[in-house]
PDB file of N, CA and C in Angstrom:
ATOM      1  N   MET A   1    -182.835 -43.701 -59.723  1.00  0.00           N
ATOM      2  CA  MET A   1    -183.595 -44.070 -61.127  1.00  0.00           C
ATOM      3  C   MET A   1    -185.009 -44.000 -61.464  1.00  0.00           C
ATOM      4  N   THR A   2    -185.879 -43.838 -62.416  1.00  0.00           N
ATOM      5  CA  THR A   2    -186.596 -43.726 -63.008  1.00  0.00           C
ATOM      6  C   THR A   2    -186.991 -45.497 -63.734  1.00  0.00           C
ATOM      7  N   ARG A   3    -188.093 -46.108 -63.803  1.00  0.00           N
ATOM      8  CA  ARG A   3    -188.602 -46.721 -65.025  1.00  0.00           C
ATOM      9  C   ARG A   3    -189.251 -46.260 -65.979  1.00  0.00           C
ATOM     10  N   ILE A   4    -188.251 -46.254 -67.403  1.00  0.00           N
ATOM     11  CA  ILE A   4    -189.411 -45.820 -68.431  1.00  0.00           C
ATOM     12  C   ILE A   4    -190.287 -46.356 -69.422  1.00  0.00           C
ATOM     13  N   GLY A   5    -190.127 -47.878 -69.156  1.00  0.00           N
ATOM     14  CA  GLY A   5    -190.613 -48.893 -70.042  1.00  0.00           C
ATOM     15  C   GLY A   5    -189.989 -50.224 -70.203  1.00  0.00           C
ATOM     16  N   GLU A   6    -190.153 -51.026 -71.023  1.00  0.00           N
ATOM     17  CA  GLU A   6    -189.664 -52.278 -71.128  1.00  0.00           C
ATOM     18  C   GLU A   6    -189.342 -52.439 -72.152  1.00  0.00           C
ATOM     19  N   ILE A   7    -188.264 -53.862 -72.885  1.00  0.00           N
ATOM     20  CA  ILE A   7    -188.385 -54.396 -73.624  1.00  0.00           C
ATOM     21  C   ILE A   7    -188.943 -55.908 -73.572  1.00  0.00           C
ATOM     22  N   THR A   8    -189.852 -56.084 -74.392  1.00  0.00           N
ATOM     23  CA  THR A   8    -190.893 -57.430 -74.599  1.00  0.00           C
ATOM     24  C   THR A   8    -190.236 -58.405 -75.922  1.00  0.00           C
ATOM     25  N   SER A   9    -189.980 -59.474 -75.305  1.00  0.00           N
ATOM     26  CA  SER A   9    -189.875 -60.861 -76.666  1.00  0.00           C
ATOM     27  C   SER A   9    -190.577 -61.844 -76.245  1.00  0.00           C
ATOM     28  N   ASN A  10    -190.556 -63.139 -76.716  1.00  0.00           N
ATOM     29  CA  ASN A  10    -190.692 -64.159 -76.581  1.00  0.00           C
ATOM     30  C   ASN A  10    -190.300 -64.663 -75.524  1.00  0.00           C
ATOM     31  N   GLU A  11    -188.931 -64.380 -75.064  1.00  0.00           N
ATOM     32  CA  GLU A  11    -188.633 -64.910 -73.655  1.00  0.00           C
ATOM     33  C   GLU A  11    -188.932 -63.879 -72.284  1.00  0.00           C
ATOM     34  N   GLY A  12    -189.430 -63.119 -72.534  1.00  0.00           N
ATOM     35  CA  GLY A  12    -190.027 -62.374 -71.639  1.00  0.00           C
ATOM     36  C   GLY A  12    -189.759 -60.753 -71.462  1.00  0.00           C
ATOM     37  N   GLU A  13    -189.628 -59.719 -70.243  1.00  0.00           N
ATOM     38  CA  GLU A  13    -189.688 -58.513 -70.232  1.00  0.00           C
ATOM     39  C   GLU A  13    -188.906 -58.150 -69.392  1.00  0.00           C
ATOM     40  N   THR A  14    -188.103 -57.487 -69.873  1.00  0.00           N
ATOM     41  CA  THR A  14    -187.084 -56.331 -69.506  1.00  0.00           C
ATOM     42  C   THR A  14    -187.569 -55.064 -68.877  1.00  0.00           C
ATOM     43  N   PRO A  15    -187.203 -54.489 -67.844  1.00  0.00           N
ATOM     44  CA  PRO A  15    -187.687 -53.124 -67.528  1.00  0.00           C
ATOM     45  C   PRO A  15    -186.416 -52.757 -67.896  1.00  0.00           C
ATOM     46  N   LEU A  16    -186.962 -51.082 -68.366  1.00  0.00           N
ATOM     47  CA  LEU A  16    -185.944 -49.861 -69.017  1.00  0.00           C
ATOM     48  C   LEU A  16    -185.942 -48.645 -67.744  1.00  0.00           C
ATOM     49  N   TYR A  17    -184.894 -48.610 -67.401  1.00  0.00           N
ATOM     50  CA  TYR A  17    -184.481 -47.310 -66.016  1.00  0.00           C
ATOM     51  C   TYR A  17    -183.897 -46.465 -66.872  1.00  0.00           C
ATOM     52  N   ALA A  18    -184.099 -45.477 -66.113  1.00  0.00           N
ATOM     53  CA  ALA A  18    -182.929 -44.001 -66.842  1.00  0.00           C
ATOM     54  C   ALA A  18    -182.996 -43.335 -65.301  1.00  0.00           C
ATOM     55  N   CYS A  19    -181.602 -42.330 -65.212  1.00  0.00           N
ATOM     56  CA  CYS A  19    -181.481 -41.795 -64.393  1.00  0.00           C
ATOM     57  C   CYS A  19    -181.868 -40.448 -64.165  1.00  0.00           C
ATOM     58  N   ARG A  20    -181.692 -39.716 -63.419  1.00  0.00           N
ATOM     59  CA  ARG A  20    -182.161 -38.281 -63.410  1.00  0.00           C
ATOM     60  C   ARG A  20    -181.651 -37.619 -64.620  1.00  0.00           C
ATOM     61  N   ALA A  21    -179.955 -37.589 -65.145  1.00  0.00           N
ATOM     62  CA  ALA A  21    -179.703 -36.932 -66.171  1.00  0.00           C
ATOM     63  C   ALA A  21    -180.131 -37.069 -67.162  1.00  0.00           C
ATOM     64  N   CYS A  22    -180.472 -38.849 -67.602  1.00  0.00           N
ATOM     65  CA  CYS A  22    -180.932 -39.295 -68.689  1.00  0.00           C
ATOM     66  C   CYS A  22    -182.253 -38.905 -69.005  1.00  0.00           C
ATOM     67  N   LEU A  23    -182.848 -39.023 -67.707  1.00  0.00           N
ATOM     68  CA  LEU A  23    -184.619 -38.724 -68.191  1.00  0.00           C
ATOM     69  C   LEU A  23    -184.720 -37.300 -68.611  1.00  0.00           C
ATOM     70  N   GLN A  24    -183.741 -36.352 -67.784  1.00  0.00           N
ATOM     71  CA  GLN A  24    -184.011 -34.966 -68.594  1.00  0.00           C
ATOM     72  C   GLN A  24    -183.536 -34.734 -69.718  1.00  0.00           C
ATOM     73  N   GLU A  25    -182.269 -35.290 -70.199  1.00  0.00           N
ATOM     74  CA  GLU A  25    -182.261 -35.434 -71.697  1.00  0.00           C
ATOM     75  C   GLU A  25    -183.458 -35.920 -72.520  1.00  0.00           C
ATOM     76  N   LEU A  26    -183.892 -37.060 -72.060  1.00  0.00           N
ATOM     77  CA  LEU A  26    -184.846 -37.591 -72.759  1.00  0.00           C
ATOM     78  C   LEU A  26    -186.187 -36.846 -72.843  1.00  0.00           C
ATOM     79  N   LEU A  27    -186.680 -35.827 -71.414  1.00  0.00           N
ATOM     80  CA  LEU A  27    -187.744 -34.727 -71.622  1.00  0.00           C
ATOM     81  C   LEU A  27    -187.388 -33.650 -72.857  1.00  0.00           C
ATOM     82  N   THR A  28    -185.841 -33.673 -72.868  1.00  0.00           N
ATOM     83  CA  THR A  28    -185.467 -32.443 -73.465  1.00  0.00           C
ATOM     84  C   THR A  28    -185.756 -32.879 -75.210  1.00  0.00           C
ATOM     85  N   ILE A  29    -185.608 -33.730 -75.686  1.00  0.00           N
ATOM     86  CA  ILE A  29    -185.572 -34.248 -76.736  1.00  0.00           C
ATOM     87  C   ILE A  29    -186.890 -34.315 -77.306  1.00  0.00           C
ATOM     88  N   HIS A  30    -187.769 -34.991 -76.611  1.00  0.00           N
ATOM     89  CA  HIS A  30    -188.839 -34.749 -76.712  1.00  0.00           C
ATOM     90  C   HIS A  30    -189.842 -33.447 -76.809  1.00  0.00           C
ATOM     91  N   GLU A  31    -189.476 -32.410 -76.036  1.00  0.00           N
ATOM     92  CA  GLU A  31    -189.770 -31.149 -76.337  1.00  0.00           C
ATOM     93  C   GLU A  31    -189.339 -30.667 -77.423  1.00  0.00           C
ATOM     94  N   ARG A  32    -187.856 -31.181 -78.005  1.00  0.00           N
ATOM     95  CA  ARG A  32    -188.066 -30.345 -79.162  1.00  0.00           C
ATOM     96  C   ARG A  32    -188.746 -30.750 -80.111  1.00  0.00           C
ATOM     97  N   SER A  33    -189.116 -31.701 -80.281  1.00  0.00           N
ATOM     98  CA  SER A  33    -189.538 -32.987 -81.165  1.00  0.00           C
ATOM     99  C   SER A  33    -191.162 -32.164 -81.250  1.00  0.00           C
ATOM    100  N   VAL A  34    -191.726 -31.991 -80.283  1.00  0.00           N
ATOM    101  CA  VAL A  34    -192.756 -31.477 -80.250  1.00  0.00           C
ATOM    102  C   VAL A  34    -193.019 -30.035 -80.810  1.00  0.00           C
ATOM    103  N   GLY A  35    -191.738 -29.379 -80.487  1.00  0.00           N
ATOM    104  CA  GLY A  35    -192.131 -27.844 -81.126  1.00  0.00           C
ATOM    105  C   GLY A  35    -191.669 -27.761 -82.341  1.00  0.00           C
ATOM    106  N   ARG A  36    -191.718 -29.179 -83.251  1.00  0.00           N
ATOM    107  CA  ARG A  36    -191.405 -29.113 -84.486  1.00  0.00           C
ATOM    108  C   ARG A  36    -192.708 -29.462 -85.029  1.00  0.00           C
ATOM    109  N   MET A  37    -193.497 -29.858 -84.569  1.00  0.00           N
ATOM    110  CA  MET A  37    -195.200 -30.368 -84.579  1.00  0.00           C
ATOM    111  C   MET A  37    -195.662 -29.123 -84.894  1.00  0.00           C
ATOM    112  N   ASP A  38    -196.932 -29.448 -86.001  1.00  0.00           N
ATOM    113  CA  ASP A  38    -197.939 -28.437 -85.678  1.00  0.00           C
ATOM    114  C   ASP A  38    -198.916 -28.296 -84.594  1.00  0.00           C
ATOM    115  N   GLY A  39    -199.292 -29.719 -84.373  1.00  0.00           N
ATOM    116  CA  GLY A  39    -200.317 -29.699 -82.965  1.00  0.00           C
ATOM    117  C   GLY A  39    -199.835 -30.830 -82.218  1.00  0.00           C
ATOM    118  N   ARG A  40    -200.443 -31.171 -81.330  1.00  0.00           N
ATOM    119  CA  ARG A  40    -200.262 -32.193 -80.378  1.00  0.00           C
ATOM    120  C   ARG A  40    -199.680 -33.535 -80.708  1.00  0.00           C
ATOM    121  N   PRO A  41    -198.585 -34.038 -80.467  1.00  0.00           N
ATOM    122  CA  PRO A  41    -198.410 -35.296 -80.648  1.00  0.00           C
ATOM    123  C   PRO A  41    -199.547 -36.706 -80.413  1.00  0.00           C
ATOM    124  N   ARG A  42    -198.899 -37.217 -81.291  1.00  0.00           N
ATOM    125  CA  ARG A  42    -200.205 -38.216 -81.397  1.00  0.00           C
ATOM    126  C   ARG A  42    -199.204 -39.430 -80.713  1.00  0.00           C
ATOM    127  N   ILE A  43    -200.444 -39.894 -79.569  1.00  0.00           N
ATOM    128  CA  ILE A  43    -200.054 -41.214 -78.649  1.00  0.00           C
ATOM    129  C   ILE A  43    -199.944 -42.668 -79.537  1.00  0.00           C
ATOM    130  N   ILE A  44    -199.743 -43.229 -79.594  1.00  0.00           N
ATOM    131  CA  ILE A  44    -200.088 -44.460 -80.441  1.00  0.00           C
ATOM    132  C   ILE A  44    -199.642 -45.506 -79.066  1.00  0.00           C
ATOM    133  N   GLN A  45    -200.751 -46.601 -79.134  1.00  0.00           N
ATOM    134  CA  GLN A  45    -200.671 -47.819 -78.222  1.00  0.00           C
ATOM    135  C   GLN A  45    -200.449 -48.921 -79.068  1.00  0.00           C
ATOM    136  N   ILE A  46    -199.031 -49.396 -78.820  1.00  0.00           N
ATOM    137  CA  ILE A  46    -198.741 -50.456 -80.225  1.00  0.00           C
ATOM    138  C   ILE A  46    -199.341 -51.951 -78.718  1.00  0.00           C
ATOM    139  N   PRO A  47    -200.566 -52.823 -78.896  1.00  0.00           N
ATOM    140  CA  PRO A  47    -200.733 -53.814 -78.443  1.00  0.00           C
ATOM    141  C   PRO A  47    -199.453 -54.829 -78.500  1.00  0.00           C
ATOM    142  N   ARG A  48    -199.697 -55.478 -77.371  1.00  0.00           N
ATOM    143  CA  ARG A  48    -198.150 -56.488 -76.945  1.00  0.00           C
ATOM    144  C   ARG A  48    -198.953 -57.661 -77.406  1.00  0.00           C
ATOM    145  N   ALA A  49    -198.388 -58.356 -78.240  1.00  0.00           N
ATOM    146  CA  ALA A  49    -198.440 -60.026 -78.531  1.00  0.00           C
ATOM    147  C   ALA A  49    -198.340 -60.776 -76.991  1.00  0.00           C
ATOM    148  N   PRO A  50    -199.582 -61.672 -77.355  1.00  0.00           N
ATOM    149  CA  PRO A  50    -198.936 -62.508 -75.783  1.00  0.00           C
ATOM    150  C   PRO A  50    -197.606 -63.475 -75.874  1.00  0.00           C
ATOM    151  N   ARG A  51    -196.967 -63.982 -74.688  1.00  0.00           N
ATOM    152  CA  ARG A  51    -195.839 -64.459 -74.594  1.00  0.00           C
ATOM    153  C   ARG A  51    -196.211 -65.849 -75.656  1.00  0.00           C
ATOM    154  N   GLY A  52    -195.336 -66.318 -76.230  1.00  0.00           N
ATOM    155  CA  GLY A  52    -194.904 -67.310 -76.967  1.00  0.00           C
ATOM    156  C   GLY A  52    -195.855 -66.595 -78.186  1.00  0.00           C
ATOM    157  N   ALA A  53    -196.092 -66.041 -78.494  1.00  0.00           N
ATOM    158  CA  ALA A  53    -197.256 -65.806 -80.006  1.00  0.00           C
ATOM    159  C   ALA A  53    -195.959 -65.688 -81.051  1.00  0.00           C
ATOM    160  N   VAL A  54    -196.129 -66.335 -82.360  1.00  0.00           N
ATOM    161  CA  VAL A  54    -195.161 -65.948 -83.160  1.00  0.00           C
ATOM    162  C   VAL A  54    -195.831 -65.014 -84.227  1.00  0.00           C
ATOM    163  N   PRO A  55    -194.456 -63.922 -84.484  1.00  0.00           N
ATOM    164  CA  PRO A  55    -195.057 -62.918 -85.662  1.00  0.00           C
ATOM    165  C   PRO A  55    -195.428 -63.297 -86.656  1.00  0.00           C
ATOM    166  N   ASN A  56    -196.413 -62.373 -87.241  1.00  0.00           N
ATOM    167  CA  ASN A  56    -196.785 -63.261 -89.045  1.00  0.00           C
ATOM    168  C   ASN A  56    -195.490 -62.604 -89.869  1.00  0.00           C
TER     169      ASN A  56
END
């Protein structure tokens, strides 16, 4: 299993894992979507809200 990210909420954080087959499928989906783009994909960093913060 490989850690691929996390889900974050006001209550805490839960790590997300993918098996080898699922990770390969995610990479294939990514490669296909990049092939449809004219340039390199943009990587957007979404800032994390501090724990306990109330969304606007």
